[in-house]
Every structure is written in C-alpha cells, then in structure tokens.
C-alpha cells in the first residue's frame, strides 16, 4: 500500500472518530437539557406550595404549546430572510417586510408569556410572586449564559 493511501485511511479514521464523538456528545446534551421550565429548582419548590408550583408549570406548558405554531412561523420567516440575503439581487423591501414579521412574531410570543404571568400573579401572594420573579430572572440568565454574580 502506498504512503498516500495509508495517510488517507488514517485521516479518515480520525475524522470518523471525531464525528462519532461529536454526535454522542451532542445527543447526551440534548437529553440532559430537557425543558428548562420543567426543572424543579429547590428554591422555587421551597417557596411555592405544590398546588402553586403545579399551576406555574401547567401555565408554562400551555404557553409552550401555544407558541409552537409561532415558533414554526418564525423558522419559516427566518428561512425566507436567509433566501432573500443570498439571492443574486438583494430585495430590500422584501427583507424589511420579513424582518418586521419576525419581530412581530417574537413580540407575540412574549405577549403570551406576559399574559400567563399576569394570570399567575393574580393567584399568587406577594411572597410567591417574588419567588416566581426570581426564578424567571435566573432562568433567563442561564439561557443567555449570564452568571448570577
């Protein structure tokens, strides 16, 4: 076997091993992440009664289900934006229209979350609202990779 063939086989093996490691690593992270709102942090469990905690997680589940269609629309809109960007001729009007639509969809998702929080706040005491606000703030920070400090 020639030297070039041996080098090619070794490189192929190394790349395959790296690819397998990447796939396994990615899959293991997918299983550990789960739904961030479904994780029960001890500080929230200590400050909310089981009924209120269930109410909160049910409300978050409802928001996620309602936003599923919006997320699909956002994905389609992003794809349209990308296709406009890579087109031979840039269509500024189409780009602005799709970008505006994307911003409106994001706003709609946030409005649904805000409405759910408003309904929960009506049913919670001041201490429970404080625990809820702290949890939501910490959850938002962790999604963006910001530390509590």
C-alpha atoms as a PDB file:
ATOM      1  CA  UNK A   1       0.000   0.000   0.000  1.00  0.00           C
ATOM      2  CA  UNK A   2       1.344   3.402  -0.887  1.00  0.00           C
ATOM      3  CA  UNK A   3       2.154   6.065   1.662  1.00  0.00           C
ATOM      4  CA  UNK A   4      -0.633   8.364   0.404  1.00  0.00           C
ATOM      5  CA  UNK A   5      -3.282   5.646   0.810  1.00  0.00           C
ATOM      6  CA  UNK A   6      -2.126   4.943   4.379  1.00  0.00           C
ATOM      7  CA  UNK A   7      -2.318   8.654   5.267  1.00  0.00           C
ATOM      8  CA  UNK A   8      -5.776   8.882   3.707  1.00  0.00           C
ATOM      9  CA  UNK A   9      -7.032   5.884   5.720  1.00  0.00           C
ATOM     10  CA  UNK A  10      -5.609   7.262   8.970  1.00  0.00           C
ATOM     11  CA  UNK A  11      -7.152  10.683   8.337  1.00  0.00           C
ATOM     12  CA  UNK A  12     -10.478   9.060   7.523  1.00  0.00           C
ATOM     13  CA  UNK A  13     -10.394   7.056  10.750  1.00  0.00           C
ATOM     14  CA  UNK A  14      -9.539  10.123  12.834  1.00  0.00           C
ATOM     15  CA  UNK A  15     -12.327  12.156  11.244  1.00  0.00           C
ATOM     16  CA  UNK A  16     -14.837   9.324  11.776  1.00  0.00           C
ATOM     17  CA  UNK A  17     -13.861   9.032  15.441  1.00  0.00           C
ATOM     18  CA  UNK A  18     -14.249  12.806  15.877  1.00  0.00           C
ATOM     19  CA  UNK A  19     -17.633  12.725  14.154  1.00  0.00           C
ATOM     20  CA  UNK A  20     -18.858   9.877  16.354  1.00  0.00           C
ATOM     21  CA  UNK A  21     -17.680  11.745  19.459  1.00  0.00           C
ATOM     22  CA  UNK A  22     -19.417  14.905  18.328  1.00  0.00           C
ATOM     23  CA  UNK A  23     -22.709  13.088  17.678  1.00  0.00           C
ATOM     24  CA  UNK A  24     -22.624  11.239  21.008  1.00  0.00           C
ATOM     25  CA  UNK A  25     -21.713  14.431  22.873  1.00  0.00           C
ATOM     26  CA  UNK A  26     -24.497  16.380  21.204  1.00  0.00           C
ATOM     27  CA  UNK A  27     -27.067  13.687  21.947  1.00  0.00           C
ATOM     28  CA  UNK A  28     -26.054  13.470  25.592  1.00  0.00           C
ATOM     29  CA  UNK A  29     -26.534  17.243  25.966  1.00  0.00           C
ATOM     30  CA  UNK A  30     -29.968  17.054  24.378  1.00  0.00           C
ATOM     31  CA  UNK A  31     -31.121  14.550  26.959  1.00  0.00           C
ATOM     32  CA  UNK A  32     -29.741  16.489  29.906  1.00  0.00           C
ATOM     33  CA  UNK A  33     -31.177  19.881  28.916  1.00  0.00           C
ATOM     34  CA  UNK A  34     -34.836  18.969  28.873  1.00  0.00           C
ATOM     35  CA  UNK A  35     -37.420  21.680  29.307  1.00  0.00           C
ATOM     36  CA  UNK A  36     -35.869  24.456  31.384  1.00  0.00           C
ATOM     37  CA  UNK A  37     -39.253  25.366  32.854  1.00  0.00           C
ATOM     38  CA  UNK A  38     -39.871  21.738  33.857  1.00  0.00           C
ATOM     39  CA  UNK A  39     -36.763  21.524  36.017  1.00  0.00           C
ATOM     40  CA  UNK A  40     -37.761  21.960  39.613  1.00  0.00           C
ATOM     41  CA  UNK A  41     -35.185  24.129  41.297  1.00  0.00           C
ATOM     42  CA  UNK A  42     -35.125  23.675  45.061  1.00  0.00           C
ATOM     43  CA  UNK A  43     -35.538  27.393  45.779  1.00  0.00           C
ATOM     44  CA  UNK A  44     -38.815  27.528  43.839  1.00  0.00           C
ATOM     45  CA  UNK A  45     -40.113  24.328  45.433  1.00  0.00           C
ATOM     46  CA  UNK A  46     -39.340  25.676  48.899  1.00  0.00           C
ATOM     47  CA  UNK A  47     -41.161  28.958  48.306  1.00  0.00           C
ATOM     48  CA  UNK A  48     -44.253  27.699  46.463  1.00  0.00           C
ATOM     49  CA  UNK A  49     -46.846  25.242  47.622  1.00  0.00           C
ATOM     50  CA  UNK A  50     -47.191  22.127  45.465  1.00  0.00           C
ATOM     51  CA  UNK A  51     -50.501  23.452  44.092  1.00  0.00           C
ATOM     52  CA  UNK A  52     -48.973  26.788  43.076  1.00  0.00           C
ATOM     53  CA  UNK A  53     -45.925  25.078  41.620  1.00  0.00           C
ATOM     54  CA  UNK A  54     -48.180  22.821  39.528  1.00  0.00           C
ATOM     55  CA  UNK A  55     -50.165  25.876  38.446  1.00  0.00           C
ATOM     56  CA  UNK A  56     -46.943  27.557  37.314  1.00  0.00           C
ATOM     57  CA  UNK A  57     -45.646  24.553  35.362  1.00  0.00           C
ATOM     58  CA  UNK A  58     -49.061  23.994  33.771  1.00  0.00           C
ATOM     59  CA  UNK A  59     -49.146  27.645  32.669  1.00  0.00           C
ATOM     60  CA  UNK A  60     -45.643  27.353  31.183  1.00  0.00           C
ATOM     61  CA  UNK A  61     -46.671  24.178  29.343  1.00  0.00           C
ATOM     62  CA  UNK A  62     -49.708  25.961  27.934  1.00  0.00           C
ATOM     63  CA  UNK A  63     -47.553  28.883  26.752  1.00  0.00           C
ATOM     64  CA  UNK A  64     -45.126  26.466  25.076  1.00  0.00           C
ATOM     65  CA  UNK A  65     -47.973  24.675  23.291  1.00  0.00           C
ATOM     66  CA  UNK A  66     -49.500  27.967  22.142  1.00  0.00           C
ATOM     67  CA  UNK A  67     -46.125  29.221  20.940  1.00  0.00           C
ATOM     68  CA  UNK A  68     -45.315  26.045  18.984  1.00  0.00           C
ATOM     69  CA  UNK A  69     -47.088  27.321  15.869  1.00  0.00           C
ATOM     70  CA  UNK A  70     -45.460  30.725  16.234  1.00  0.00           C
ATOM     71  CA  UNK A  71     -42.018  29.111  16.503  1.00  0.00           C
ATOM     72  CA  UNK A  72     -42.734  27.234  13.255  1.00  0.00           C
ATOM     73  CA  UNK A  73     -43.751  30.502  11.575  1.00  0.00           C
ATOM     74  CA  UNK A  74     -40.573  32.126  12.891  1.00  0.00           C
ATOM     75  CA  UNK A  75     -38.490  29.323  11.415  1.00  0.00           C
ATOM     76  CA  UNK A  76     -40.160  29.758   8.032  1.00  0.00           C
ATOM     77  CA  UNK A  77     -39.708  33.529   8.206  1.00  0.00           C
ATOM     78  CA  UNK A  78     -36.005  33.173   9.059  1.00  0.00           C
ATOM     79  CA  UNK A  79     -35.605  30.844   6.065  1.00  0.00           C
ATOM     80  CA  UNK A  80     -37.246  33.472   3.838  1.00  0.00           C
ATOM     81  CA  UNK A  81     -34.902  36.113   5.236  1.00  0.00           C
ATOM     82  CA  UNK A  82     -31.886  33.921   4.500  1.00  0.00           C
ATOM     83  CA  UNK A  83     -33.109  33.242   0.975  1.00  0.00           C
ATOM     84  CA  UNK A  84     -33.510  36.994   0.415  1.00  0.00           C
ATOM     85  CA  UNK A  85     -29.985  37.574   1.711  1.00  0.00           C
ATOM     86  CA  UNK A  86     -28.404  35.014  -0.592  1.00  0.00           C
ATOM     87  CA  UNK A  87     -30.435  35.914  -3.682  1.00  0.00           C
ATOM     88  CA  UNK A  88     -28.463  37.324  -6.634  1.00  0.00           C
ATOM     89  CA  UNK A  89     -30.302  40.631  -6.266  1.00  0.00           C
ATOM     90  CA  UNK A  90     -30.995  41.948  -2.763  1.00  0.00           C
ATOM     91  CA  UNK A  91     -34.647  42.938  -2.325  1.00  0.00           C
ATOM     92  CA  UNK A  92     -34.634  45.493   0.469  1.00  0.00           C
ATOM     93  CA  UNK A  93     -38.417  45.768   0.662  1.00  0.00           C
ATOM     94  CA  UNK A  94     -38.907  42.004   0.977  1.00  0.00           C
ATOM     95  CA  UNK A  95     -36.142  41.833   3.592  1.00  0.00           C
ATOM     96  CA  UNK A  96     -37.694  44.597   5.688  1.00  0.00           C
ATOM     97  CA  UNK A  97     -41.125  43.001   5.390  1.00  0.00           C
ATOM     98  CA  UNK A  98     -39.900  39.588   6.569  1.00  0.00           C
ATOM     99  CA  UNK A  99     -37.770  41.119   9.349  1.00  0.00           C
ATOM    100  CA  UNK A 100     -40.793  43.078  10.564  1.00  0.00           C
ATOM    101  CA  UNK A 101     -42.871  39.884  10.528  1.00  0.00           C
ATOM    102  CA  UNK A 102     -40.188  38.088  12.559  1.00  0.00           C
ATOM    103  CA  UNK A 103     -40.144  40.868  15.166  1.00  0.00           C
ATOM    104  CA  UNK A 104     -43.934  40.779  15.409  1.00  0.00           C
ATOM    105  CA  UNK A 105     -43.898  37.005  15.944  1.00  0.00           C
ATOM    106  CA  UNK A 106     -41.300  37.366  18.714  1.00  0.00           C
ATOM    107  CA  UNK A 107     -43.434  40.062  20.288  1.00  0.00           C
ATOM    108  CA  UNK A 108     -46.490  37.799  20.134  1.00  0.00           C
ATOM    109  CA  UNK A 109     -44.596  35.027  21.928  1.00  0.00           C
ATOM    110  CA  UNK A 110     -43.509  37.430  24.657  1.00  0.00           C
ATOM    111  CA  UNK A 111     -47.049  38.784  24.958  1.00  0.00           C
ATOM    112  CA  UNK A 112     -48.390  35.279  25.544  1.00  0.00           C
ATOM    113  CA  UNK A 113     -45.784  34.686  28.244  1.00  0.00           C
ATOM    114  CA  UNK A 114     -46.604  38.047  29.790  1.00  0.00           C
ATOM    115  CA  UNK A 115     -50.322  37.241  29.837  1.00  0.00           C
ATOM    116  CA  UNK A 116     -49.645  33.896  31.515  1.00  0.00           C
ATOM    117  CA  UNK A 117     -47.509  35.597  34.172  1.00  0.00           C
ATOM    118  CA  UNK A 118     -50.241  38.178  34.749  1.00  0.00           C
ATOM    119  CA  UNK A 119     -52.824  35.435  35.319  1.00  0.00           C
ATOM    120  CA  UNK A 120     -50.485  33.620  37.702  1.00  0.00           C
ATOM    121  CA  UNK A 121     -49.669  36.819  39.583  1.00  0.00           C
ATOM    122  CA  UNK A 122     -53.370  37.329  40.286  1.00  0.00           C
ATOM    123  CA  UNK A 123     -53.430  33.980  42.079  1.00  0.00           C
ATOM    124  CA  UNK A 124     -50.117  34.274  43.950  1.00  0.00           C
ATOM    125  CA  UNK A 125     -49.272  36.084  47.155  1.00  0.00           C
ATOM    126  CA  UNK A 126     -46.575  38.766  47.220  1.00  0.00           C
ATOM    127  CA  UNK A 127     -44.031  36.261  48.553  1.00  0.00           C
ATOM    128  CA  UNK A 128     -44.921  33.731  45.865  1.00  0.00           C
ATOM    129  CA  UNK A 129     -44.687  36.401  43.147  1.00  0.00           C
ATOM    130  CA  UNK A 130     -41.246  37.306  44.468  1.00  0.00           C
ATOM    131  CA  UNK A 131     -40.123  33.667  44.231  1.00  0.00           C
ATOM    132  CA  UNK A 132     -41.588  33.438  40.733  1.00  0.00           C
ATOM    133  CA  UNK A 133     -39.836  36.619  39.598  1.00  0.00           C
ATOM    134  CA  UNK A 134     -36.525  35.400  40.992  1.00  0.00           C
ATOM    135  CA  UNK A 135     -36.901  32.046  39.253  1.00  0.00           C
ATOM    136  CA  UNK A 136     -37.804  33.635  35.907  1.00  0.00           C
ATOM    137  CA  UNK A 137     -34.872  36.041  36.141  1.00  0.00           C
ATOM    138  CA  UNK A 138     -32.436  33.224  36.935  1.00  0.00           C
ATOM    139  CA  UNK A 139     -33.869  31.055  34.138  1.00  0.00           C
ATOM    140  CA  UNK A 140     -33.455  33.872  31.615  1.00  0.00           C
ATOM    141  CA  UNK A 141     -29.887  34.453  32.760  1.00  0.00           C
ATOM    142  CA  UNK A 142     -28.976  30.783  32.489  1.00  0.00           C
ATOM    143  CA  UNK A 143     -30.335  30.616  28.926  1.00  0.00           C
ATOM    144  CA  UNK A 144     -28.130  33.529  27.934  1.00  0.00           C
ATOM    145  CA  UNK A 145     -25.114  32.208  29.818  1.00  0.00           C
ATOM    146  CA  UNK A 146     -25.030  35.078  32.326  1.00  0.00           C
ATOM    147  CA  UNK A 147     -23.868  34.292  35.843  1.00  0.00           C
ATOM    148  CA  UNK A 148     -25.782  35.430  38.942  1.00  0.00           C
ATOM    149  CA  UNK A 149     -22.867  37.495  40.199  1.00  0.00           C
END
